[in-house]
Amino acid sequence: MSHDIRERNLEMVLRTLHKEQVATASKLNKLTGLSVVTVNKLLSQLVQSGQVTEGTRTKNLKGRPATTYHFNAAYKLVLIISCYKRGGHDYAGYSIHDLFGECIERREELLQSVHTDEFKVAIENYLERYPKIAMIGISMPSDSIGGRMASALRRDPLSKRLAQHMKNRFHLPVFFETDINAATLGAFKRHVQYEFVCGLALVPGRSPVCSFCYNGSLIRGRDGLAGEVKHFPMYNNIGILPLDPEAANDLAVRTLQAVTCVLNPALIVVYSESLKSGPTLADRLKRRLSNEAEIVLMPKIEVTDKIREDIVSGMITLCLQYL
């Protein structure tokens, strides 16, 4: 067997076992189409590397004893750093996850400024405590970043240069994503019955940000800059949601209407701490629609202040895809 074929087969067995979590060699043989001999050899290699562990012996359909194999979710770990606002303050949330996405540790801290130097000490501490960390995923609020980080992101929307800089610093792959992209993917995972989900962060005093997820894939646009709703004409070149509650609600409804007309998502998740409740916001939008066809096409609208949960969920999905 050539090296390339062996590596592909090894990856196939590993991915299948990751999905099943626990399986016997005969079950993996049926699921992968590989011969039992090949599966056993690959499992032996995976056990030796620590990616798979042997479990208890069970009886197969013919009554013969068979060893169960467990995917070792702790073989590699992921450090997720999520930056978000709450109560007008910037926070960083740190969480450690295994390869099943299960959270091992979680904490948050108040940030003086959203800057890479703010993370240095925390990252080094986590790497020392969890040497199995194999990747760092960082979500950034796209409208409140400062210093060298802001400069790097403006010149490189996909953050490749900044990620490479941090990779060189910590000797691990680093993945950046915007908070709204990660949150929208997390929202899709909560609402898998909707194939097209839009995430929309509407916070008075801040620029509105928007993202789209279709069948589990983010629609990024050219240079990763899809969803720049702050440039809609109704924002009058200011690009900020007003602080006045009534003005903010009115502009929020107009933004929802514009997003609905352009992309017609099945679900719009609005992230906000201060806007009126979901049914009220939906009713205000419904009153603005001029005909029955627009009302029929109106998406489901959810208003929530739980952006961190969706950010972390989305970042886990993205990081595990890379790993």
Protein backbone atom coordinates (compact mmCIF):
# COMPACT_ATOMS: atom_id res chain seq x y z
CA MET A 1 0.00 0.00 0.00
CA SER A 2 1.47 3.37 -1.00
CA HIS A 3 2.03 6.03 1.65
CA ASP A 4 -0.64 8.37 0.21
CA ILE A 5 -3.29 5.64 0.08
CA ARG A 6 -2.44 4.54 3.61
CA GLU A 7 -2.75 8.13 4.89
CA ARG A 8 -6.13 8.55 3.17
CA ASN A 9 -7.37 5.27 4.64
CA LEU A 10 -6.05 6.27 8.05
CA GLU A 11 -7.93 9.57 7.87
CA MET A 12 -11.09 7.78 6.71
CA VAL A 13 -11.02 5.40 9.68
CA LEU A 14 -10.26 8.22 12.09
CA ARG A 15 -13.07 10.43 10.78
CA THR A 16 -15.53 7.53 10.87
CA LEU A 17 -14.59 6.65 14.43
CA HIS A 18 -14.84 10.32 15.41
CA LYS A 19 -18.41 10.32 14.13
CA GLU A 20 -19.30 7.00 15.78
CA GLN A 21 -17.21 7.67 18.92
CA VAL A 22 -17.12 3.92 19.69
CA ALA A 23 -16.99 1.05 17.19
CA THR A 24 -15.60 -2.42 16.54
CA ALA A 25 -13.29 -3.26 13.65
CA SER A 26 -16.12 -5.08 11.86
CA LYS A 27 -18.39 -2.04 12.10
CA LEU A 28 -15.63 0.22 10.75
CA ASN A 29 -15.12 -2.32 7.95
CA LYS A 30 -18.78 -1.91 6.94
CA LEU A 31 -18.80 1.88 7.28
CA THR A 32 -15.55 2.53 5.39
CA GLY A 33 -15.58 -0.30 2.85
CA LEU A 34 -12.01 -1.21 3.79
CA SER A 35 -11.09 -4.83 4.44
CA VAL A 36 -11.08 -6.11 8.02
CA VAL A 37 -7.33 -6.77 7.75
CA THR A 38 -6.66 -3.18 6.64
CA VAL A 39 -8.93 -1.74 9.35
CA ASN A 40 -7.19 -3.78 12.05
CA LYS A 41 -3.75 -2.63 10.90
CA LEU A 42 -4.86 1.01 10.84
CA LEU A 43 -6.50 0.72 14.25
CA SER A 44 -3.30 -0.73 15.66
CA GLN A 45 -1.41 2.27 14.32
CA LEU A 46 -3.98 4.71 15.73
CA VAL A 47 -3.89 3.03 19.15
CA GLN A 48 -0.10 3.26 19.15
CA SER A 49 -0.25 6.99 18.34
CA GLY A 50 -2.80 7.62 21.09
CA GLN A 51 -5.55 8.88 18.78
CA VAL A 52 -7.66 5.80 19.52
CA THR A 53 -7.97 3.76 22.72
CA GLU A 54 -9.04 0.16 23.18
CA GLY A 55 -12.20 -0.43 25.18
CA THR A 56 -13.95 -3.48 26.55
CA ARG A 57 -14.45 -6.64 24.56
CA THR A 58 -17.97 -7.31 23.35
CA LYS A 59 -19.64 -10.07 21.35
CA ASN A 60 -20.39 -9.56 17.67
CA LEU A 61 -23.46 -10.90 15.86
CA LYS A 62 -21.83 -14.31 15.56
CA GLY A 63 -21.17 -14.45 19.30
CA ARG A 64 -17.41 -13.98 18.93
CA PRO A 65 -15.53 -11.56 21.21
CA ALA A 66 -14.65 -8.26 19.54
CA THR A 67 -12.64 -5.32 20.85
CA THR A 68 -14.32 -1.91 20.92
CA TYR A 69 -12.30 1.12 19.89
CA HIS A 70 -12.87 4.63 21.24
CA PHE A 71 -11.95 7.86 19.53
CA ASN A 72 -9.65 9.74 21.94
CA ALA A 73 -11.26 13.18 22.05
CA ALA A 74 -8.54 14.46 24.40
CA TYR A 75 -5.73 13.61 21.97
CA LYS A 76 -5.82 17.25 20.81
CA LEU A 77 -7.42 20.28 22.43
CA VAL A 78 -8.57 23.63 21.09
CA LEU A 79 -8.28 26.98 22.85
CA ILE A 80 -11.13 29.32 21.90
CA ILE A 81 -10.88 33.04 22.67
CA SER A 82 -14.06 34.99 22.06
CA CYS A 83 -14.27 38.78 22.39
CA TYR A 84 -17.64 40.39 22.95
CA LYS A 85 -19.41 43.32 24.60
CA ARG A 86 -21.75 43.09 27.56
CA GLY A 87 -23.17 46.03 29.46
CA GLY A 88 -21.01 48.39 27.43
CA HIS A 89 -17.75 46.66 28.41
CA ASP A 90 -15.34 44.48 26.40
CA TYR A 91 -14.80 40.93 27.61
CA ALA A 92 -12.63 38.02 26.54
CA GLY A 93 -13.96 34.53 27.07
CA TYR A 94 -11.47 31.64 27.20
CA SER A 95 -12.52 28.02 26.82
CA ILE A 96 -10.76 24.70 26.26
CA HIS A 97 -12.51 22.06 24.14
CA ASP A 98 -11.77 18.49 23.14
CA LEU A 99 -12.24 17.02 19.66
CA PHE A 100 -15.92 16.36 20.35
CA GLY A 101 -16.34 20.05 21.14
CA GLU A 102 -16.94 19.36 24.83
CA CYS A 103 -15.87 22.18 27.14
CA ILE A 104 -13.13 21.30 29.64
CA GLU A 105 -12.61 24.74 31.17
CA ARG A 106 -14.20 28.13 30.70
CA ARG A 107 -13.66 31.62 32.12
CA GLU A 108 -13.96 35.27 31.13
CA GLU A 109 -12.16 38.49 31.98
CA LEU A 110 -12.77 42.20 31.50
CA LEU A 111 -10.53 43.74 28.83
CA GLN A 112 -8.91 47.15 29.06
CA SER A 113 -8.55 47.12 25.27
CA VAL A 114 -9.17 44.55 22.54
CA HIS A 115 -5.56 43.94 21.54
CA THR A 116 -3.39 40.87 20.96
CA ASP A 117 -1.11 41.83 23.86
CA GLU A 118 -4.11 41.42 26.17
CA PHE A 119 -4.19 37.73 25.26
CA LYS A 120 -0.47 36.94 25.48
CA VAL A 121 -0.26 36.05 29.18
CA ALA A 122 -3.51 34.08 29.16
CA ILE A 123 -2.52 32.07 26.06
CA GLU A 124 0.91 31.23 27.47
CA ASN A 125 -0.72 30.14 30.73
CA TYR A 126 -3.16 27.84 28.94
CA LEU A 127 -0.43 26.34 26.75
CA GLU A 128 1.58 25.53 29.87
CA ARG A 129 -1.39 23.94 31.63
CA TYR A 130 -2.76 22.12 28.57
CA PRO A 131 0.18 20.95 26.42
CA LYS A 132 -2.25 19.07 24.13
CA ILE A 133 -3.67 22.33 22.76
CA ALA A 134 -3.21 21.97 19.00
CA MET A 135 -4.95 25.11 17.74
CA ILE A 136 -6.01 28.56 18.89
CA GLY A 137 -9.24 30.06 17.54
CA ILE A 138 -9.92 33.76 18.13
CA SER A 139 -13.13 35.62 17.34
CA MET A 140 -12.87 39.41 17.14
CA PRO A 141 -15.56 42.11 17.24
CA SER A 142 -15.16 43.70 13.83
CA ASP A 143 -16.02 47.22 14.97
CA SER A 144 -14.01 47.58 18.19
CA ILE A 145 -10.47 46.42 17.55
CA GLY A 146 -7.48 48.62 18.18
CA GLY A 147 -3.74 49.04 17.80
CA ARG A 148 -1.70 46.71 15.60
CA MET A 149 -4.58 44.25 15.41
CA ALA A 150 -6.90 46.80 13.78
CA SER A 151 -4.18 47.79 11.31
CA ALA A 152 -3.52 44.14 10.41
CA LEU A 153 -7.20 43.33 9.92
CA ARG A 154 -7.85 46.42 7.80
CA ARG A 155 -5.01 45.50 5.46
CA ASP A 156 -5.84 41.80 5.46
CA PRO A 157 -9.58 41.10 5.95
CA LEU A 158 -9.00 37.34 6.18
CA SER A 159 -6.35 37.88 8.91
CA LYS A 160 -3.81 35.53 7.34
CA ARG A 161 -0.81 37.72 8.18
CA LEU A 162 -1.90 38.25 11.77
CA ALA A 163 -2.58 34.53 12.19
CA GLN A 164 0.89 33.73 10.84
CA HIS A 165 2.44 36.23 13.26
CA MET A 166 0.74 34.57 16.22
CA LYS A 167 1.54 31.10 14.87
CA ASN A 168 5.22 32.02 14.87
CA ARG A 169 4.87 33.35 18.40
CA PHE A 170 3.08 30.39 19.95
CA HIS A 171 4.20 27.63 17.52
CA LEU A 172 0.60 26.59 16.89
CA PRO A 173 -1.89 27.24 14.09
CA VAL A 174 -4.06 30.27 14.89
CA PHE A 175 -7.43 30.87 13.28
CA PHE A 176 -9.22 34.24 13.28
CA GLU A 177 -12.90 34.86 12.64
CA THR A 178 -15.23 37.80 13.17
CA ASP A 179 -17.67 37.55 16.04
CA ILE A 180 -20.73 37.81 13.81
CA ASN A 181 -19.53 35.07 11.42
CA ALA A 182 -18.84 32.71 14.31
CA ALA A 183 -22.14 33.59 16.01
CA THR A 184 -24.15 33.06 12.81
CA LEU A 185 -22.65 29.60 12.35
CA GLY A 186 -23.47 28.87 16.00
CA ALA A 187 -27.05 30.05 15.42
CA PHE A 188 -27.32 27.72 12.42
CA LYS A 189 -26.25 24.82 14.64
CA ARG A 190 -29.09 25.69 17.05
CA HIS A 191 -31.61 25.97 14.23
CA VAL A 192 -30.65 23.26 11.74
CA GLN A 193 -34.24 23.17 10.48
CA TYR A 194 -33.52 26.47 8.66
CA GLU A 195 -31.18 26.13 5.68
CA PHE A 196 -30.48 29.87 5.36
CA VAL A 197 -29.71 31.80 8.57
CA CYS A 198 -28.71 35.44 8.97
CA GLY A 199 -26.98 36.81 12.07
CA LEU A 200 -27.38 40.54 12.73
CA ALA A 201 -25.76 42.41 15.63
CA LEU A 202 -27.68 45.61 16.37
CA VAL A 203 -26.28 47.48 19.35
CA PRO A 204 -27.03 51.21 19.85
CA GLY A 205 -23.85 53.27 19.58
CA ARG A 206 -22.06 50.63 17.49
CA SER A 207 -21.84 49.74 13.82
CA PRO A 208 -24.32 47.04 12.77
CA VAL A 209 -22.71 43.84 11.51
CA CYS A 210 -24.30 41.02 9.56
CA SER A 211 -23.42 37.51 8.39
CA PHE A 212 -25.04 34.70 6.43
CA CYS A 213 -24.89 30.92 6.71
CA TYR A 214 -26.35 28.62 4.05
CA ASN A 215 -26.56 24.89 4.78
CA GLY A 216 -23.77 25.15 7.33
CA SER A 217 -21.38 27.21 5.18
CA LEU A 218 -20.65 30.89 5.76
CA ILE A 219 -21.20 33.21 2.81
CA ARG A 220 -18.12 35.40 3.12
CA GLY A 221 -18.23 37.48 -0.04
CA ARG A 222 -15.20 38.94 -1.81
CA ASP A 223 -12.24 39.39 0.56
CA GLY A 224 -14.44 38.09 3.37
CA LEU A 225 -16.39 41.35 3.56
CA ALA A 226 -20.01 40.27 3.02
CA GLY A 227 -22.66 41.77 5.28
CA GLU A 228 -21.45 45.38 5.51
CA VAL A 229 -24.94 46.66 6.36
CA LYS A 230 -23.55 49.83 7.95
CA HIS A 231 -23.21 51.16 4.39
CA PHE A 232 -26.96 50.94 3.73
CA PRO A 233 -28.27 54.40 2.71
CA MET A 234 -30.49 54.66 5.81
CA TYR A 235 -27.33 54.98 7.94
CA ASN A 236 -26.51 58.32 6.24
CA ASN A 237 -22.75 57.60 5.95
CA ILE A 238 -22.48 57.46 9.74
CA GLY A 239 -22.75 53.67 10.03
CA ILE A 240 -23.81 53.69 13.70
CA LEU A 241 -27.07 52.57 15.29
CA PRO A 242 -28.44 55.59 17.25
CA LEU A 243 -28.39 55.64 21.05
CA ASP A 244 -31.96 56.96 21.23
CA PRO A 245 -34.18 53.88 21.81
CA GLU A 246 -36.96 54.82 19.39
CA ALA A 247 -34.55 55.87 16.64
CA ALA A 248 -32.53 52.68 17.19
CA ASN A 249 -35.62 50.48 16.97
CA ASP A 250 -36.84 52.25 13.84
CA LEU A 251 -33.46 51.85 12.10
CA ALA A 252 -33.22 48.24 13.28
CA VAL A 253 -36.57 47.42 11.66
CA ARG A 254 -35.53 49.14 8.41
CA THR A 255 -32.28 47.14 8.45
CA LEU A 256 -34.23 43.90 8.93
CA GLN A 257 -36.48 44.83 6.01
CA ALA A 258 -33.50 45.55 3.74
CA VAL A 259 -31.74 42.28 4.64
CA THR A 260 -34.98 40.36 4.09
CA CYS A 261 -35.61 41.94 0.69
CA VAL A 262 -32.07 41.36 -0.57
CA LEU A 263 -31.39 37.82 0.69
CA ASN A 264 -34.69 36.41 2.00
CA PRO A 265 -33.21 34.26 4.81
CA ALA A 266 -35.43 31.78 6.63
CA LEU A 267 -34.27 33.01 10.04
CA ILE A 268 -32.69 36.25 11.25
CA VAL A 269 -31.05 36.10 14.68
CA VAL A 270 -30.70 39.61 16.11
CA TYR A 271 -28.01 39.98 18.76
CA SER A 272 -28.80 42.90 21.06
CA GLU A 273 -29.14 43.69 24.76
CA SER A 274 -31.38 46.72 24.39
CA LEU A 275 -33.78 46.32 21.45
CA LYS A 276 -37.39 45.43 22.09
CA SER A 277 -38.42 41.80 22.38
CA GLY A 278 -38.57 39.52 19.37
CA PRO A 279 -42.35 39.51 18.75
CA THR A 280 -42.49 43.32 18.98
CA LEU A 281 -39.60 43.72 16.55
CA ALA A 282 -41.22 41.24 14.17
CA ASP A 283 -44.58 43.02 14.45
CA ARG A 284 -42.96 46.38 13.68
CA LEU A 285 -41.36 44.85 10.59
CA LYS A 286 -44.67 43.29 9.54
CA ARG A 287 -46.41 46.67 9.71
CA ARG A 288 -43.82 48.13 7.33
CA LEU A 289 -44.46 45.51 4.66
CA SER A 290 -46.69 46.80 1.89
CA ASN A 291 -48.31 43.66 0.45
CA GLU A 292 -49.32 40.10 1.27
CA ALA A 293 -46.41 38.57 -0.67
CA GLU A 294 -43.87 40.42 1.50
CA ILE A 295 -45.65 39.27 4.66
CA VAL A 296 -45.64 35.63 3.52
CA LEU A 297 -41.90 35.83 2.81
CA MET A 298 -41.07 37.47 6.15
CA PRO A 299 -38.47 35.35 7.99
CA LYS A 300 -38.65 34.11 11.55
CA ILE A 301 -36.95 36.65 13.82
CA GLU A 302 -35.18 35.78 17.08
CA VAL A 303 -33.78 38.47 19.39
CA THR A 304 -31.18 37.31 21.92
CA ASP A 305 -28.37 38.68 24.07
CA LYS A 306 -26.60 35.28 24.21
CA ILE A 307 -24.00 36.06 21.56
CA ARG A 308 -21.09 34.46 23.39
CA GLU A 309 -22.70 31.02 23.37
CA ASP A 310 -23.22 31.16 19.60
CA ILE A 311 -19.72 32.57 19.01
CA VAL A 312 -18.07 29.72 20.91
CA SER A 313 -20.26 27.12 19.18
CA GLY A 314 -19.35 28.51 15.76
CA MET A 315 -15.65 28.77 16.58
CA ILE A 316 -15.57 25.15 17.75
CA THR A 317 -17.05 24.03 14.42
CA LEU A 318 -14.57 26.10 12.40
CA CYS A 319 -11.52 25.03 14.41
CA LEU A 320 -12.42 21.33 14.31
CA GLN A 321 -12.81 21.61 10.53
CA TYR A 322 -9.26 22.92 10.34
CA LEU A 323 -7.91 20.24 12.67
